[in-house]
mmCIF file of all heavy atoms, coordinates in Angstrom:
data_MODEL
# 
_entry.id   MODEL 
# 
loop_
_atom_site.group_PDB 
_atom_site.id 
_atom_site.type_symbol 
_atom_site.label_atom_id 
_atom_site.label_alt_id 
_atom_site.label_comp_id 
_atom_site.label_asym_id 
_atom_site.label_entity_id 
_atom_site.label_seq_id 
_atom_site.pdbx_PDB_ins_code 
_atom_site.Cartn_x 
_atom_site.Cartn_y 
_atom_site.Cartn_z 
_atom_site.occupancy 
_atom_site.B_iso_or_equiv 
_atom_site.pdbx_formal_charge 
_atom_site.auth_seq_id 
_atom_site.auth_comp_id 
_atom_site.auth_asym_id 
_atom_site.auth_atom_id 
_atom_site.pdbx_PDB_model_num 
ATOM 1   N N   . HIS A 1 1  ? 0.789  -1.231 0.081   1.00 0.00 ? 1  HIS A N   1 
ATOM 2   C CA  . HIS A 1 1  ? 0.012  -0.078 0.047   1.00 0.00 ? 1  HIS A CA  1 
ATOM 3   C C   . HIS A 1 1  ? 0.816  1.333  0.042   1.00 0.00 ? 1  HIS A C   1 
ATOM 4   O O   . HIS A 1 1  ? 0.503  2.424  -0.539  1.00 0.00 ? 1  HIS A O   1 
ATOM 5   C CB  . HIS A 1 1  ? -0.859 0.123  1.214   1.00 0.00 ? 1  HIS A CB  1 
ATOM 6   C CG  . HIS A 1 1  ? -1.696 -1.254 1.312   1.00 0.00 ? 1  HIS A CG  1 
ATOM 7   N ND1 . HIS A 1 1  ? -2.829 -1.505 0.394   1.00 0.00 ? 1  HIS A ND1 1 
ATOM 8   C CD2 . HIS A 1 1  ? -1.654 -2.405 2.037   1.00 0.00 ? 1  HIS A CD2 1 
ATOM 9   C CE1 . HIS A 1 1  ? -3.434 -2.704 0.779   1.00 0.00 ? 1  HIS A CE1 1 
ATOM 10  N NE2 . HIS A 1 1  ? -2.712 -3.280 1.647   1.00 0.00 ? 1  HIS A NE2 1 
ATOM 11  N N   . LEU A 1 2  ? 2.007  1.112  0.552   1.00 0.00 ? 2  LEU A N   1 
ATOM 12  C CA  . LEU A 1 2  ? 2.918  2.329  0.524   1.00 0.00 ? 2  LEU A CA  1 
ATOM 13  C C   . LEU A 1 2  ? 3.623  2.420  -0.729  1.00 0.00 ? 2  LEU A C   1 
ATOM 14  O O   . LEU A 1 2  ? 3.701  3.563  -1.354  1.00 0.00 ? 2  LEU A O   1 
ATOM 15  C CB  . LEU A 1 2  ? 4.022  2.018  1.727   1.00 0.00 ? 2  LEU A CB  1 
ATOM 16  C CG  . LEU A 1 2  ? 4.934  3.170  2.024   1.00 0.00 ? 2  LEU A CG  1 
ATOM 17  C CD1 . LEU A 1 2  ? 4.371  4.464  2.241   1.00 0.00 ? 2  LEU A CD1 1 
ATOM 18  C CD2 . LEU A 1 2  ? 5.979  2.681  3.195   1.00 0.00 ? 2  LEU A CD2 1 
ATOM 19  N N   . VAL A 1 3  ? 4.174  1.339  -1.313  1.00 0.00 ? 3  VAL A N   1 
ATOM 20  C CA  . VAL A 1 3  ? 4.859  1.495  -2.604  1.00 0.00 ? 3  VAL A CA  1 
ATOM 21  C C   . VAL A 1 3  ? 4.061  1.792  -3.765  1.00 0.00 ? 3  VAL A C   1 
ATOM 22  O O   . VAL A 1 3  ? 4.548  2.519  -4.662  1.00 0.00 ? 3  VAL A O   1 
ATOM 23  C CB  . VAL A 1 3  ? 5.581  0.066  -2.769  1.00 0.00 ? 3  VAL A CB  1 
ATOM 24  C CG1 . VAL A 1 3  ? 6.305  0.141  -4.149  1.00 0.00 ? 3  VAL A CG1 1 
ATOM 25  C CG2 . VAL A 1 3  ? 6.737  -0.130 -1.732  1.00 0.00 ? 3  VAL A CG2 1 
ATOM 26  N N   . GLU A 1 4  ? 2.742  1.415  -3.716  1.00 0.00 ? 4  GLU A N   1 
ATOM 27  C CA  . GLU A 1 4  ? 1.882  1.648  -4.839  1.00 0.00 ? 4  GLU A CA  1 
ATOM 28  C C   . GLU A 1 4  ? 1.600  3.232  -4.975  1.00 0.00 ? 4  GLU A C   1 
ATOM 29  O O   . GLU A 1 4  ? 1.149  3.689  -5.943  1.00 0.00 ? 4  GLU A O   1 
ATOM 30  C CB  . GLU A 1 4  ? 0.539  0.945  -4.653  1.00 0.00 ? 4  GLU A CB  1 
ATOM 31  C CG  . GLU A 1 4  ? -0.418 1.484  -3.724  1.00 0.00 ? 4  GLU A CG  1 
ATOM 32  C CD  . GLU A 1 4  ? -1.695 0.704  -3.682  1.00 0.00 ? 4  GLU A CD  1 
ATOM 33  O OE1 . GLU A 1 4  ? -1.844 -0.241 -4.423  1.00 0.00 ? 4  GLU A OE1 1 
ATOM 34  O OE2 . GLU A 1 4  ? -2.523 1.132  -2.870  1.00 0.00 ? 4  GLU A OE2 1 
ATOM 35  N N   . ARG A 1 5  ? 1.913  3.996  -3.900  1.00 0.00 ? 5  ARG A N   1 
ATOM 36  C CA  . ARG A 1 5  ? 1.810  5.375  -3.979  1.00 0.00 ? 5  ARG A CA  1 
ATOM 37  C C   . ARG A 1 5  ? 2.899  6.140  -4.759  1.00 0.00 ? 5  ARG A C   1 
ATOM 38  O O   . ARG A 1 5  ? 2.854  7.195  -5.173  1.00 0.00 ? 5  ARG A O   1 
ATOM 39  C CB  . ARG A 1 5  ? 1.707  5.995  -2.649  1.00 0.00 ? 5  ARG A CB  1 
ATOM 40  C CG  . ARG A 1 5  ? 0.460  5.671  -1.636  1.00 0.00 ? 5  ARG A CG  1 
ATOM 41  C CD  . ARG A 1 5  ? -0.782 6.221  -2.262  1.00 0.00 ? 5  ARG A CD  1 
ATOM 42  N NE  . ARG A 1 5  ? -1.879 5.865  -1.391  1.00 0.00 ? 5  ARG A NE  1 
ATOM 43  C CZ  . ARG A 1 5  ? -2.423 6.772  -0.599  1.00 0.00 ? 5  ARG A CZ  1 
ATOM 44  N NH1 . ARG A 1 5  ? -1.813 7.983  -0.409  1.00 0.00 ? 5  ARG A NH1 1 
ATOM 45  N NH2 . ARG A 1 5  ? -3.454 6.411  0.251   1.00 0.00 ? 5  ARG A NH2 1 
ATOM 46  N N   . GLY A 1 6  ? 3.994  5.356  -4.928  1.00 0.00 ? 6  GLY A N   1 
ATOM 47  C CA  . GLY A 1 6  ? 5.128  5.898  -5.671  1.00 0.00 ? 6  GLY A CA  1 
ATOM 48  C C   . GLY A 1 6  ? 5.032  5.640  -7.220  1.00 0.00 ? 6  GLY A C   1 
ATOM 49  O O   . GLY A 1 6  ? 3.984  5.323  -7.775  1.00 0.00 ? 6  GLY A O   1 
ATOM 50  N N   . ARG A 1 7  ? 6.184  5.815  -7.870  1.00 0.00 ? 7  ARG A N   1 
ATOM 51  C CA  . ARG A 1 7  ? 6.382  5.484  -9.237  1.00 0.00 ? 7  ARG A CA  1 
ATOM 52  C C   . ARG A 1 7  ? 6.223  4.079  -9.520  1.00 0.00 ? 7  ARG A C   1 
ATOM 53  O O   . ARG A 1 7  ? 6.421  3.230  -8.754  1.00 0.00 ? 7  ARG A O   1 
ATOM 54  C CB  . ARG A 1 7  ? 7.597  5.925  -9.766  1.00 0.00 ? 7  ARG A CB  1 
ATOM 55  C CG  . ARG A 1 7  ? 8.009  7.350  -9.619  1.00 0.00 ? 7  ARG A CG  1 
ATOM 56  C CD  . ARG A 1 7  ? 9.413  7.724  -9.937  1.00 0.00 ? 7  ARG A CD  1 
ATOM 57  N NE  . ARG A 1 7  ? 9.748  9.092  -9.840  1.00 0.00 ? 7  ARG A NE  1 
ATOM 58  C CZ  . ARG A 1 7  ? 9.613  10.035 -10.706 1.00 0.00 ? 7  ARG A CZ  1 
ATOM 59  N NH1 . ARG A 1 7  ? 8.928  9.647  -11.891 1.00 0.00 ? 7  ARG A NH1 1 
ATOM 60  N NH2 . ARG A 1 7  ? 10.024 11.241 -10.478 1.00 0.00 ? 7  ARG A NH2 1 
ATOM 61  N N   . PRO A 1 8  ? 5.653  3.723  -10.807 1.00 0.00 ? 8  PRO A N   1 
ATOM 62  C CA  . PRO A 1 8  ? 5.639  2.325  -11.169 1.00 0.00 ? 8  PRO A CA  1 
ATOM 63  C C   . PRO A 1 8  ? 7.119  1.802  -11.241 1.00 0.00 ? 8  PRO A C   1 
ATOM 64  O O   . PRO A 1 8  ? 8.101  2.705  -11.323 1.00 0.00 ? 8  PRO A O   1 
ATOM 65  C CB  . PRO A 1 8  ? 5.197  2.310  -12.570 1.00 0.00 ? 8  PRO A CB  1 
ATOM 66  C CG  . PRO A 1 8  ? 5.285  3.735  -13.056 1.00 0.00 ? 8  PRO A CG  1 
ATOM 67  C CD  . PRO A 1 8  ? 5.123  4.579  -11.941 1.00 0.00 ? 8  PRO A CD  1 
ATOM 68  N N   . ILE A 1 9  ? 7.556  0.583  -10.968 1.00 0.00 ? 9  ILE A N   1 
ATOM 69  C CA  . ILE A 1 9  ? 8.859  0.258  -10.827 1.00 0.00 ? 9  ILE A CA  1 
ATOM 70  C C   . ILE A 1 9  ? 9.625  0.103  -11.977 1.00 0.00 ? 9  ILE A C   1 
ATOM 71  O O   . ILE A 1 9  ? 10.779 0.520  -12.178 1.00 0.00 ? 9  ILE A O   1 
ATOM 72  C CB  . ILE A 1 9  ? 8.891  -1.142 -9.940  1.00 0.00 ? 9  ILE A CB  1 
ATOM 73  C CG1 . ILE A 1 9  ? 8.282  -0.889 -8.524  1.00 0.00 ? 9  ILE A CG1 1 
ATOM 74  C CG2 . ILE A 1 9  ? 10.404 -1.614 -9.913  1.00 0.00 ? 9  ILE A CG2 1 
ATOM 75  C CD1 . ILE A 1 9  ? 8.231  -2.116 -7.743  1.00 0.00 ? 9  ILE A CD1 1 
ATOM 76  N N   . ARG A 1 10 ? 9.154  -0.651 -13.001 1.00 0.00 ? 10 ARG A N   1 
ATOM 77  C CA  . ARG A 1 10 ? 9.910  -1.091 -14.179 1.00 0.00 ? 10 ARG A CA  1 
ATOM 78  C C   . ARG A 1 10 ? 9.605  -0.118 -15.349 1.00 0.00 ? 10 ARG A C   1 
ATOM 79  O O   . ARG A 1 10 ? 8.497  0.431  -15.448 1.00 0.00 ? 10 ARG A O   1 
ATOM 80  C CB  . ARG A 1 10 ? 9.576  -2.436 -14.603 1.00 0.00 ? 10 ARG A CB  1 
ATOM 81  C CG  . ARG A 1 10 ? 10.256 -3.427 -13.729 1.00 0.00 ? 10 ARG A CG  1 
ATOM 82  C CD  . ARG A 1 10 ? 10.145 -4.906 -14.125 1.00 0.00 ? 10 ARG A CD  1 
ATOM 83  N NE  . ARG A 1 10 ? 10.950 -5.786 -13.188 1.00 0.00 ? 10 ARG A NE  1 
ATOM 84  C CZ  . ARG A 1 10 ? 12.262 -6.018 -13.313 1.00 0.00 ? 10 ARG A CZ  1 
ATOM 85  N NH1 . ARG A 1 10 ? 12.888 -5.445 -14.293 1.00 0.00 ? 10 ARG A NH1 1 
ATOM 86  N NH2 . ARG A 1 10 ? 12.814 -6.825 -12.426 1.00 0.00 ? 10 ARG A NH2 1 
ATOM 87  N N   . SER A 1 11 ? 10.505 -0.091 -16.244 1.00 0.00 ? 11 SER A N   1 
ATOM 88  C CA  . SER A 1 11 ? 10.533 0.883  -17.463 1.00 0.00 ? 11 SER A CA  1 
ATOM 89  C C   . SER A 1 11 ? 9.343  0.322  -18.421 1.00 0.00 ? 11 SER A C   1 
ATOM 90  O O   . SER A 1 11 ? 8.907  1.134  -19.129 1.00 0.00 ? 11 SER A O   1 
ATOM 91  C CB  . SER A 1 11 ? 11.889 0.857  -18.216 1.00 0.00 ? 11 SER A CB  1 
ATOM 92  O OG  . SER A 1 11 ? 12.891 1.512  -17.406 1.00 0.00 ? 11 SER A OG  1 
ATOM 93  N N   . SER A 1 12 ? 8.997  -0.898 -18.279 1.00 0.00 ? 12 SER A N   1 
ATOM 94  C CA  . SER A 1 12 ? 7.910  -1.378 -19.177 1.00 0.00 ? 12 SER A CA  1 
ATOM 95  C C   . SER A 1 12 ? 6.521  -0.673 -18.820 1.00 0.00 ? 12 SER A C   1 
ATOM 96  O O   . SER A 1 12 ? 5.684  -0.686 -19.731 1.00 0.00 ? 12 SER A O   1 
ATOM 97  C CB  . SER A 1 12 ? 7.726  -2.782 -19.024 1.00 0.00 ? 12 SER A CB  1 
ATOM 98  O OG  . SER A 1 12 ? 7.546  -3.254 -17.597 1.00 0.00 ? 12 SER A OG  1 
ATOM 99  N N   . SER A 1 13 ? 6.563  -0.024 -17.738 1.00 0.00 ? 13 SER A N   1 
ATOM 100 C CA  . SER A 1 13 ? 5.310  0.814  -17.415 1.00 0.00 ? 13 SER A CA  1 
ATOM 101 C C   . SER A 1 13 ? 5.351  2.423  -17.836 1.00 0.00 ? 13 SER A C   1 
ATOM 102 O O   . SER A 1 13 ? 4.523  3.082  -17.583 1.00 0.00 ? 13 SER A O   1 
ATOM 103 C CB  . SER A 1 13 ? 4.935  0.693  -15.932 1.00 0.00 ? 13 SER A CB  1 
ATOM 104 O OG  . SER A 1 13 ? 4.919  -0.601 -15.504 1.00 0.00 ? 13 SER A OG  1 
ATOM 105 N N   . ASP A 1 14 ? 6.462  2.767  -18.440 1.00 0.00 ? 14 ASP A N   1 
ATOM 106 C CA  . ASP A 1 14 ? 6.737  4.060  -18.817 1.00 0.00 ? 14 ASP A CA  1 
ATOM 107 C C   . ASP A 1 14 ? 5.547  4.539  -19.771 1.00 0.00 ? 14 ASP A C   1 
ATOM 108 O O   . ASP A 1 14 ? 5.083  3.768  -20.641 1.00 0.00 ? 14 ASP A O   1 
ATOM 109 C CB  . ASP A 1 14 ? 7.975  4.376  -19.476 1.00 0.00 ? 14 ASP A CB  1 
ATOM 110 C CG  . ASP A 1 14 ? 9.160  4.356  -18.505 1.00 0.00 ? 14 ASP A CG  1 
ATOM 111 O OD1 . ASP A 1 14 ? 8.947  4.531  -17.382 1.00 0.00 ? 14 ASP A OD1 1 
ATOM 112 O OD2 . ASP A 1 14 ? 10.349 4.149  -18.816 1.00 0.00 ? 14 ASP A OD2 1 
ATOM 113 N N   . SER A 1 15 ? 5.304  5.751  -19.825 1.00 0.00 ? 15 SER A N   1 
ATOM 114 C CA  . SER A 1 15 ? 4.339  6.451  -20.732 1.00 0.00 ? 15 SER A CA  1 
ATOM 115 C C   . SER A 1 15 ? 4.642  7.905  -20.646 1.00 0.00 ? 15 SER A C   1 
ATOM 116 O O   . SER A 1 15 ? 5.403  8.391  -19.745 1.00 0.00 ? 15 SER A O   1 
ATOM 117 C CB  . SER A 1 15 ? 2.856  6.256  -20.301 1.00 0.00 ? 15 SER A CB  1 
ATOM 118 O OG  . SER A 1 15 ? 2.598  6.977  -19.212 1.00 0.00 ? 15 SER A OG  1 
ATOM 119 N N   . PRO A 1 16 ? 4.100  8.701  -21.568 1.00 0.00 ? 16 PRO A N   1 
ATOM 120 C CA  . PRO A 1 16 ? 4.325  10.157 -21.492 1.00 0.00 ? 16 PRO A CA  1 
ATOM 121 C C   . PRO A 1 16 ? 3.833  10.863 -20.258 1.00 0.00 ? 16 PRO A C   1 
ATOM 122 O O   . PRO A 1 16 ? 4.387  11.906 -19.781 1.00 0.00 ? 16 PRO A O   1 
ATOM 123 C CB  . PRO A 1 16 ? 3.574  10.711 -22.653 1.00 0.00 ? 16 PRO A CB  1 
ATOM 124 C CG  . PRO A 1 16 ? 3.524  9.454  -23.698 1.00 0.00 ? 16 PRO A CG  1 
ATOM 125 C CD  . PRO A 1 16 ? 3.394  8.449  -22.738 1.00 0.00 ? 16 PRO A CD  1 
ATOM 126 N N   . LEU A 1 17 ? 3.013  10.172 -19.465 1.00 0.00 ? 17 LEU A N   1 
ATOM 127 C CA  . LEU A 1 17 ? 2.516  10.688 -18.335 1.00 0.00 ? 17 LEU A CA  1 
ATOM 128 C C   . LEU A 1 17 ? 3.046  9.940  -16.917 1.00 0.00 ? 17 LEU A C   1 
ATOM 129 O O   . LEU A 1 17 ? 2.741  10.393 -15.925 1.00 0.00 ? 17 LEU A O   1 
ATOM 130 C CB  . LEU A 1 17 ? 1.039  10.528 -18.262 1.00 0.00 ? 17 LEU A CB  1 
ATOM 131 C CG  . LEU A 1 17 ? 0.148  11.308 -19.382 1.00 0.00 ? 17 LEU A CG  1 
ATOM 132 C CD1 . LEU A 1 17 ? -1.301 11.077 -19.337 1.00 0.00 ? 17 LEU A CD1 1 
ATOM 133 C CD2 . LEU A 1 17 ? 0.488  12.831 -19.344 1.00 0.00 ? 17 LEU A CD2 1 
ATOM 134 N N   . ALA A 1 18 ? 3.763  9.063  -17.178 1.00 0.00 ? 18 ALA A N   1 
ATOM 135 C CA  . ALA A 1 18 ? 4.319  8.318  -15.986 1.00 0.00 ? 18 ALA A CA  1 
ATOM 136 C C   . ALA A 1 18 ? 5.773  7.840  -16.231 1.00 0.00 ? 18 ALA A C   1 
ATOM 137 O O   . ALA A 1 18 ? 5.974  7.096  -17.213 1.00 0.00 ? 18 ALA A O   1 
ATOM 138 C CB  . ALA A 1 18 ? 3.384  7.004  -15.680 1.00 0.00 ? 18 ALA A CB  1 
ATOM 139 N N   . THR A 1 19 ? 6.662  8.102  -15.466 1.00 0.00 ? 19 THR A N   1 
ATOM 140 C CA  . THR A 1 19 ? 8.069  7.713  -15.395 1.00 0.00 ? 19 THR A CA  1 
ATOM 141 C C   . THR A 1 19 ? 8.365  6.693  -14.427 1.00 0.00 ? 19 THR A C   1 
ATOM 142 O O   . THR A 1 19 ? 8.150  6.950  -13.214 1.00 0.00 ? 19 THR A O   1 
ATOM 143 C CB  . THR A 1 19 ? 9.011  8.972  -15.326 1.00 0.00 ? 19 THR A CB  1 
ATOM 144 O OG1 . THR A 1 19 ? 8.722  9.893  -16.386 1.00 0.00 ? 19 THR A OG1 1 
ATOM 145 C CG2 . THR A 1 19 ? 10.520 8.444  -15.481 1.00 0.00 ? 19 THR A CG2 1 
ATOM 146 N N   . SER A 1 20 ? 8.726  5.463  -14.772 1.00 0.00 ? 20 SER A N   1 
ATOM 147 C CA  . SER A 1 20 ? 9.127  4.467  -13.683 1.00 0.00 ? 20 SER A CA  1 
ATOM 148 C C   . SER A 1 20 ? 10.320 4.831  -12.920 1.00 0.00 ? 20 SER A C   1 
ATOM 149 O O   . SER A 1 20 ? 11.215 5.714  -13.301 1.00 0.00 ? 20 SER A O   1 
ATOM 150 C CB  . SER A 1 20 ? 9.237  3.132  -14.455 1.00 0.00 ? 20 SER A CB  1 
ATOM 151 O OG  . SER A 1 20 ? 10.495 3.333  -15.271 1.00 0.00 ? 20 SER A OG  1 
ATOM 152 N N   . LEU A 1 21 ? 10.419 4.178  -11.776 1.00 0.00 ? 21 LEU A N   1 
ATOM 153 C CA  . LEU A 1 21 ? 11.570 4.345  -10.945 1.00 0.00 ? 21 LEU A CA  1 
ATOM 154 C C   . LEU A 1 21 ? 12.839 3.916  -11.633 1.00 0.00 ? 21 LEU A C   1 
ATOM 155 O O   . LEU A 1 21 ? 13.929 4.366  -11.618 1.00 0.00 ? 21 LEU A O   1 
ATOM 156 C CB  . LEU A 1 21 ? 11.396 3.462  -9.682  1.00 0.00 ? 21 LEU A CB  1 
ATOM 157 C CG  . LEU A 1 21 ? 12.657 3.593  -8.734  1.00 0.00 ? 21 LEU A CG  1 
ATOM 158 C CD1 . LEU A 1 21 ? 12.042 3.631  -7.313  1.00 0.00 ? 21 LEU A CD1 1 
ATOM 159 C CD2 . LEU A 1 21 ? 13.492 2.448  -8.882  1.00 0.00 ? 21 LEU A CD2 1 
ATOM 160 N N   . GLU A 1 22 ? 12.700 2.743  -12.443 1.00 0.00 ? 22 GLU A N   1 
ATOM 161 C CA  . GLU A 1 22 ? 13.902 2.228  -13.154 1.00 0.00 ? 22 GLU A CA  1 
ATOM 162 C C   . GLU A 1 22 ? 14.318 3.234  -14.171 1.00 0.00 ? 22 GLU A C   1 
ATOM 163 O O   . GLU A 1 22 ? 15.608 3.540  -14.339 1.00 0.00 ? 22 GLU A O   1 
ATOM 164 C CB  . GLU A 1 22 ? 13.484 1.033  -13.924 1.00 0.00 ? 22 GLU A CB  1 
ATOM 165 C CG  . GLU A 1 22 ? 14.634 0.343  -14.708 1.00 0.00 ? 22 GLU A CG  1 
ATOM 166 C CD  . GLU A 1 22 ? 14.200 -0.898 -15.471 1.00 0.00 ? 22 GLU A CD  1 
ATOM 167 O OE1 . GLU A 1 22 ? 13.069 -1.276 -15.552 1.00 0.00 ? 22 GLU A OE1 1 
ATOM 168 O OE2 . GLU A 1 22 ? 15.190 -1.688 -15.927 1.00 0.00 ? 22 GLU A OE2 1 
ATOM 169 N N   . THR A 1 23 ? 13.392 3.959  -14.901 1.00 0.00 ? 23 THR A N   1 
ATOM 170 C CA  . THR A 1 23 ? 13.865 4.954  -15.881 1.00 0.00 ? 23 THR A CA  1 
ATOM 171 C C   . THR A 1 23 ? 14.447 6.118  -15.340 1.00 0.00 ? 23 THR A C   1 
ATOM 172 O O   . THR A 1 23 ? 15.397 6.887  -15.728 1.00 0.00 ? 23 THR A O   1 
ATOM 173 C CB  . THR A 1 23 ? 12.680 5.281  -16.777 1.00 0.00 ? 23 THR A CB  1 
ATOM 174 O OG1 . THR A 1 23 ? 12.264 4.138  -17.591 1.00 0.00 ? 23 THR A OG1 1 
ATOM 175 C CG2 . THR A 1 23 ? 12.974 6.468  -17.720 1.00 0.00 ? 23 THR A CG2 1 
ATOM 176 N N   . TYR A 1 24 ? 13.604 6.680  -14.163 1.00 0.00 ? 24 TYR A N   1 
ATOM 177 C CA  . TYR A 1 24 ? 14.309 7.702  -13.415 1.00 0.00 ? 24 TYR A CA  1 
ATOM 178 C C   . TYR A 1 24 ? 15.656 7.467  -13.025 1.00 0.00 ? 24 TYR A C   1 
ATOM 179 O O   . TYR A 1 24 ? 16.563 8.350  -13.053 1.00 0.00 ? 24 TYR A O   1 
ATOM 180 C CB  . TYR A 1 24 ? 13.289 8.001  -12.244 1.00 0.00 ? 24 TYR A CB  1 
ATOM 181 C CG  . TYR A 1 24 ? 13.612 9.239  -11.461 1.00 0.00 ? 24 TYR A CG  1 
ATOM 182 C CD1 . TYR A 1 24 ? 12.904 10.532 -11.742 1.00 0.00 ? 24 TYR A CD1 1 
ATOM 183 C CD2 . TYR A 1 24 ? 14.600 9.332  -10.509 1.00 0.00 ? 24 TYR A CD2 1 
ATOM 184 C CE1 . TYR A 1 24 ? 13.188 11.617 -10.995 1.00 0.00 ? 24 TYR A CE1 1 
ATOM 185 C CE2 . TYR A 1 24 ? 15.010 10.520 -9.767  1.00 0.00 ? 24 TYR A CE2 1 
ATOM 186 C CZ  . TYR A 1 24 ? 14.226 11.588 -10.110 1.00 0.00 ? 24 TYR A CZ  1 
ATOM 187 O OH  . TYR A 1 24 ? 14.497 12.677 -9.351  1.00 0.00 ? 24 TYR A OH  1 
ATOM 188 N N   . LEU A 1 25 ? 15.854 6.400  -12.241 1.00 0.00 ? 25 LEU A N   1 
ATOM 189 C CA  . LEU A 1 25 ? 17.232 6.096  -11.898 1.00 0.00 ? 25 LEU A CA  1 
ATOM 190 C C   . LEU A 1 25 ? 18.281 5.980  -12.915 1.00 0.00 ? 25 LEU A C   1 
ATOM 191 O O   . LEU A 1 25 ? 19.414 6.544  -12.749 1.00 0.00 ? 25 LEU A O   1 
ATOM 192 C CB  . LEU A 1 25 ? 17.198 4.669  -11.132 1.00 0.00 ? 25 LEU A CB  1 
ATOM 193 C CG  . LEU A 1 25 ? 18.472 4.012  -10.530 1.00 0.00 ? 25 LEU A CG  1 
ATOM 194 C CD1 . LEU A 1 25 ? 19.069 5.012  -9.540  1.00 0.00 ? 25 LEU A CD1 1 
ATOM 195 C CD2 . LEU A 1 25 ? 18.348 2.676  -9.973  1.00 0.00 ? 25 LEU A CD2 1 
ATOM 196 N N   . LYS A 1 26 ? 17.886 5.396  -13.991 1.00 0.00 ? 26 LYS A N   1 
ATOM 197 C CA  . LYS A 1 26 ? 18.931 5.218  -15.149 1.00 0.00 ? 26 LYS A CA  1 
ATOM 198 C C   . LYS A 1 26 ? 19.235 6.717  -15.758 1.00 0.00 ? 26 LYS A C   1 
ATOM 199 O O   . LYS A 1 26 ? 20.290 6.950  -16.073 1.00 0.00 ? 26 LYS A O   1 
ATOM 200 C CB  . LYS A 1 26 ? 18.350 4.418  -16.196 1.00 0.00 ? 26 LYS A CB  1 
ATOM 201 C CG  . LYS A 1 26 ? 18.435 2.899  -15.832 1.00 0.00 ? 26 LYS A CG  1 
ATOM 202 C CD  . LYS A 1 26 ? 18.150 1.981  -17.151 1.00 0.00 ? 26 LYS A CD  1 
ATOM 203 C CE  . LYS A 1 26 ? 18.275 0.511  -16.705 1.00 0.00 ? 26 LYS A CE  1 
ATOM 204 N NZ  . LYS A 1 26 ? 18.019 -0.378 -17.849 1.00 0.00 ? 26 LYS A NZ  1 
ATOM 205 N N   . GLY A 1 27 ? 18.231 7.544  -15.703 1.00 0.00 ? 27 GLY A N   1 
ATOM 206 C CA  . GLY A 1 27 ? 18.379 8.918  -16.193 1.00 0.00 ? 27 GLY A CA  1 
ATOM 207 C C   . GLY A 1 27 ? 19.407 9.587  -15.154 1.00 0.00 ? 27 GLY A C   1 
ATOM 208 O O   . GLY A 1 27 ? 20.126 10.249 -15.720 1.00 0.00 ? 27 GLY A O   1 
ATOM 209 N N   . GLU A 1 28 ? 19.192 9.459  -13.968 1.00 0.00 ? 28 GLU A N   1 
ATOM 210 C CA  . GLU A 1 28 ? 20.074 10.051 -12.984 1.00 0.00 ? 28 GLU A CA  1 
ATOM 211 C C   . GLU A 1 28 ? 21.422 9.509  -13.062 1.00 0.00 ? 28 GLU A C   1 
ATOM 212 O O   . GLU A 1 28 ? 22.500 10.316 -13.001 1.00 0.00 ? 28 GLU A O   1 
ATOM 213 C CB  . GLU A 1 28 ? 19.461 10.069 -11.614 1.00 0.00 ? 28 GLU A CB  1 
ATOM 214 C CG  . GLU A 1 28 ? 20.396 10.681 -10.597 1.00 0.00 ? 28 GLU A CG  1 
ATOM 215 C CD  . GLU A 1 28 ? 19.640 10.915 -9.183  1.00 0.00 ? 28 GLU A CD  1 
ATOM 216 O OE1 . GLU A 1 28 ? 18.477 11.136 -9.357  1.00 0.00 ? 28 GLU A OE1 1 
ATOM 217 O OE2 . GLU A 1 28 ? 20.275 11.004 -8.143  1.00 0.00 ? 28 GLU A OE2 1 
# 
């Protein structure tokens, strides 16, 4: 319930409106 409030985890969930944690991390 806590984690679902954050970003989706994997890049496969990316969209123009949602950036996954994996994509955010790789970008940084």
